[in-house]
């Protein structure tokens, strides 16, 4: 499972907020909701967040093993 807890910590320690992400950077409220619920987002979105927050990908997301993960 992809977990976005690092994103929330990074956002908290930045000068940005969910409001500025939506208002100034045009990140949709639906994307913010997906991040809240650990739902899939595109790598383009992750790239944009890294640029906005001036951070690395591990500051946005991490993989956490879950027995519910779909097997290949």
N, C-alpha and C. Protein backbone atom coordinates (compact mmCIF):
# COMPACT_ATOMS: atom_id res chain seq x y z
N UNK A 1 0.85 -1.18 0.00
CA UNK A 1 0.00 0.00 0.00
C UNK A 1 0.89 1.24 0.00
N UNK A 2 0.50 2.19 -0.79
CA UNK A 2 1.20 3.48 -0.79
C UNK A 2 0.57 4.35 0.29
N UNK A 3 1.43 4.89 1.13
CA UNK A 3 0.99 5.70 2.26
C UNK A 3 1.52 7.12 2.07
N UNK A 4 0.63 8.10 2.20
CA UNK A 4 1.01 9.49 2.00
C UNK A 4 1.23 10.26 3.29
N UNK A 5 1.43 9.57 4.39
CA UNK A 5 1.75 10.24 5.65
C UNK A 5 2.95 11.18 5.52
N UNK A 6 4.01 10.77 4.79
CA UNK A 6 5.14 11.70 4.63
C UNK A 6 4.73 13.02 3.98
N UNK A 7 3.77 12.97 3.05
CA UNK A 7 3.29 14.19 2.41
C UNK A 7 2.71 15.15 3.44
N UNK A 8 1.88 14.62 4.33
CA UNK A 8 1.23 15.48 5.33
C UNK A 8 2.24 16.09 6.29
N UNK A 9 3.26 15.31 6.63
CA UNK A 9 4.33 15.84 7.48
C UNK A 9 5.14 16.91 6.75
N UNK A 10 5.45 16.66 5.49
CA UNK A 10 6.19 17.63 4.68
C UNK A 10 5.38 18.91 4.50
N UNK A 11 4.10 18.75 4.21
CA UNK A 11 3.23 19.91 4.05
C UNK A 11 3.16 20.73 5.34
N UNK A 12 3.03 20.05 6.45
CA UNK A 12 2.95 20.74 7.75
C UNK A 12 4.20 21.56 8.03
N UNK A 13 5.35 21.05 7.61
CA UNK A 13 6.62 21.74 7.85
C UNK A 13 6.99 22.75 6.76
N UNK A 14 6.10 22.94 5.81
CA UNK A 14 6.36 23.90 4.72
C UNK A 14 5.55 25.17 4.94
N UNK A 15 5.74 26.12 4.04
CA UNK A 15 4.96 27.35 4.11
C UNK A 15 3.63 27.22 3.37
N UNK A 16 3.41 26.05 2.74
CA UNK A 16 2.19 25.81 1.97
C UNK A 16 1.12 25.16 2.84
N UNK A 17 -0.09 25.13 2.30
CA UNK A 17 -1.22 24.48 2.96
C UNK A 17 -2.08 23.83 1.88
N UNK A 18 -3.06 23.06 2.28
CA UNK A 18 -3.95 22.50 1.26
C UNK A 18 -4.64 23.64 0.50
N UNK A 19 -4.94 24.71 1.19
CA UNK A 19 -5.56 25.87 0.53
C UNK A 19 -4.66 26.43 -0.57
N UNK A 20 -3.37 26.63 -0.27
CA UNK A 20 -2.48 27.19 -1.30
C UNK A 20 -2.22 26.19 -2.42
N UNK A 21 -2.21 24.90 -2.09
CA UNK A 21 -2.05 23.90 -3.15
C UNK A 21 -3.20 23.99 -4.15
N UNK A 22 -4.40 24.16 -3.62
CA UNK A 22 -5.58 24.26 -4.48
C UNK A 22 -5.64 25.61 -5.18
N UNK A 23 -5.51 26.68 -4.42
CA UNK A 23 -5.71 28.04 -4.95
C UNK A 23 -4.54 28.50 -5.84
N UNK A 24 -3.31 28.33 -5.37
CA UNK A 24 -2.16 28.88 -6.09
C UNK A 24 -1.54 27.92 -7.10
N UNK A 25 -1.64 26.61 -6.83
CA UNK A 25 -0.96 25.63 -7.69
C UNK A 25 -1.92 24.75 -8.46
N UNK A 26 -3.21 24.96 -8.28
CA UNK A 26 -4.25 24.26 -9.04
C UNK A 26 -4.22 22.74 -8.87
N UNK A 27 -3.83 22.30 -7.68
CA UNK A 27 -3.98 20.90 -7.32
C UNK A 27 -5.46 20.73 -6.95
N UNK A 28 -6.12 19.77 -7.54
CA UNK A 28 -7.56 19.66 -7.32
C UNK A 28 -7.88 19.19 -5.89
N UNK A 29 -9.05 19.58 -5.44
CA UNK A 29 -9.50 19.12 -4.12
C UNK A 29 -9.70 17.61 -4.14
N UNK A 30 -10.02 17.04 -5.29
CA UNK A 30 -10.15 15.59 -5.41
C UNK A 30 -8.81 14.91 -5.18
N UNK A 31 -7.73 15.52 -5.68
CA UNK A 31 -6.40 14.96 -5.45
C UNK A 31 -6.03 15.04 -3.98
N UNK A 32 -6.34 16.15 -3.34
CA UNK A 32 -6.08 16.29 -1.90
C UNK A 32 -6.84 15.20 -1.14
N UNK A 33 -8.07 14.95 -1.55
CA UNK A 33 -8.88 13.90 -0.92
C UNK A 33 -8.25 12.52 -1.13
N UNK A 34 -7.73 12.25 -2.33
CA UNK A 34 -7.05 10.98 -2.60
C UNK A 34 -5.83 10.82 -1.70
N UNK A 35 -5.09 11.88 -1.50
CA UNK A 35 -3.93 11.83 -0.61
C UNK A 35 -4.36 11.54 0.82
N UNK A 36 -5.44 12.14 1.24
CA UNK A 36 -5.97 11.91 2.60
C UNK A 36 -6.34 10.45 2.81
N UNK A 37 -6.88 9.83 1.75
CA UNK A 37 -7.40 8.46 1.85
C UNK A 37 -6.43 7.41 1.32
N UNK A 38 -5.18 7.82 1.04
CA UNK A 38 -4.16 6.90 0.51
C UNK A 38 -4.63 6.19 -0.76
N UNK A 39 -5.32 6.93 -1.61
CA UNK A 39 -5.77 6.42 -2.91
C UNK A 39 -4.71 6.75 -3.96
N UNK A 40 -4.72 6.05 -5.09
CA UNK A 40 -3.70 6.29 -6.12
C UNK A 40 -3.75 7.71 -6.71
N UNK A 41 -2.58 8.29 -6.88
CA UNK A 41 -2.41 9.55 -7.61
C UNK A 41 -1.35 9.31 -8.68
N UNK A 42 -1.32 10.15 -9.68
CA UNK A 42 -0.37 9.96 -10.77
C UNK A 42 1.04 10.36 -10.37
N UNK A 43 2.00 9.83 -11.10
CA UNK A 43 3.39 10.24 -10.85
C UNK A 43 3.59 11.70 -11.25
N UNK A 44 2.79 12.19 -12.16
CA UNK A 44 2.84 13.62 -12.51
C UNK A 44 2.45 14.47 -11.31
N UNK A 45 1.43 14.05 -10.58
CA UNK A 45 1.02 14.76 -9.37
C UNK A 45 2.12 14.71 -8.32
N UNK A 46 2.72 13.55 -8.14
CA UNK A 46 3.82 13.43 -7.17
C UNK A 46 4.97 14.33 -7.58
N UNK A 47 5.28 14.37 -8.87
CA UNK A 47 6.33 15.26 -9.37
C UNK A 47 5.99 16.71 -9.06
N UNK A 48 4.76 17.11 -9.32
CA UNK A 48 4.34 18.49 -9.05
C UNK A 48 4.47 18.82 -7.57
N UNK A 49 4.07 17.91 -6.71
CA UNK A 49 4.17 18.15 -5.27
C UNK A 49 5.63 18.27 -4.83
N UNK A 50 6.50 17.45 -5.42
CA UNK A 50 7.93 17.56 -5.10
C UNK A 50 8.48 18.93 -5.51
N UNK A 51 8.05 19.41 -6.66
CA UNK A 51 8.50 20.74 -7.11
C UNK A 51 7.96 21.83 -6.18
N UNK A 52 6.67 21.78 -5.91
CA UNK A 52 6.04 22.80 -5.06
C UNK A 52 6.66 22.83 -3.67
N UNK A 53 6.87 21.64 -3.09
CA UNK A 53 7.35 21.56 -1.72
C UNK A 53 8.88 21.47 -1.64
N UNK A 54 9.52 21.48 -2.81
CA UNK A 54 10.99 21.41 -2.88
C UNK A 54 11.50 20.23 -2.03
N UNK A 55 11.02 19.04 -2.38
CA UNK A 55 11.37 17.85 -1.60
C UNK A 55 11.60 16.66 -2.51
N UNK A 56 11.98 15.55 -1.92
CA UNK A 56 12.18 14.30 -2.64
C UNK A 56 10.93 13.44 -2.56
N UNK A 57 10.87 12.44 -3.43
CA UNK A 57 9.69 11.59 -3.50
C UNK A 57 9.39 10.90 -2.16
N UNK A 58 10.42 10.52 -1.43
CA UNK A 58 10.19 9.86 -0.13
C UNK A 58 9.58 10.83 0.90
N UNK A 59 9.59 12.12 0.60
CA UNK A 59 8.93 13.09 1.46
C UNK A 59 7.43 13.22 1.13
N UNK A 60 7.00 12.49 0.08
CA UNK A 60 5.61 12.51 -0.35
C UNK A 60 4.92 11.18 -0.06
N UNK A 61 5.60 10.08 -0.36
CA UNK A 61 4.97 8.77 -0.26
C UNK A 61 5.96 7.71 0.21
N UNK A 62 5.39 6.63 0.73
CA UNK A 62 6.20 5.48 1.12
C UNK A 62 5.36 4.23 0.89
N UNK A 63 6.05 3.11 0.72
CA UNK A 63 5.37 1.84 0.57
C UNK A 63 5.31 1.15 1.91
N UNK A 64 4.13 0.68 2.27
CA UNK A 64 3.92 -0.06 3.51
C UNK A 64 3.27 -1.39 3.11
N UNK A 65 3.92 -2.50 3.47
CA UNK A 65 3.35 -3.80 3.13
C UNK A 65 1.97 -3.97 3.76
N UNK A 66 1.08 -4.54 2.97
CA UNK A 66 -0.25 -4.88 3.45
C UNK A 66 -0.63 -6.25 2.89
N UNK A 67 -1.14 -7.14 3.72
CA UNK A 67 -1.56 -8.44 3.19
C UNK A 67 -2.72 -8.31 2.20
N UNK A 68 -3.36 -7.16 2.18
CA UNK A 68 -4.46 -6.92 1.24
C UNK A 68 -3.97 -6.47 -0.13
N UNK A 69 -2.66 -6.23 -0.28
CA UNK A 69 -2.12 -5.82 -1.59
C UNK A 69 -2.42 -6.90 -2.63
N UNK A 70 -2.76 -6.43 -3.82
CA UNK A 70 -3.06 -7.35 -4.91
C UNK A 70 -1.78 -8.03 -5.38
N UNK A 71 -1.81 -9.33 -5.50
CA UNK A 71 -0.67 -10.10 -5.99
C UNK A 71 -0.61 -10.01 -7.50
N UNK A 72 0.60 -10.04 -8.01
CA UNK A 72 0.79 -10.03 -9.47
C UNK A 72 0.69 -11.43 -10.01
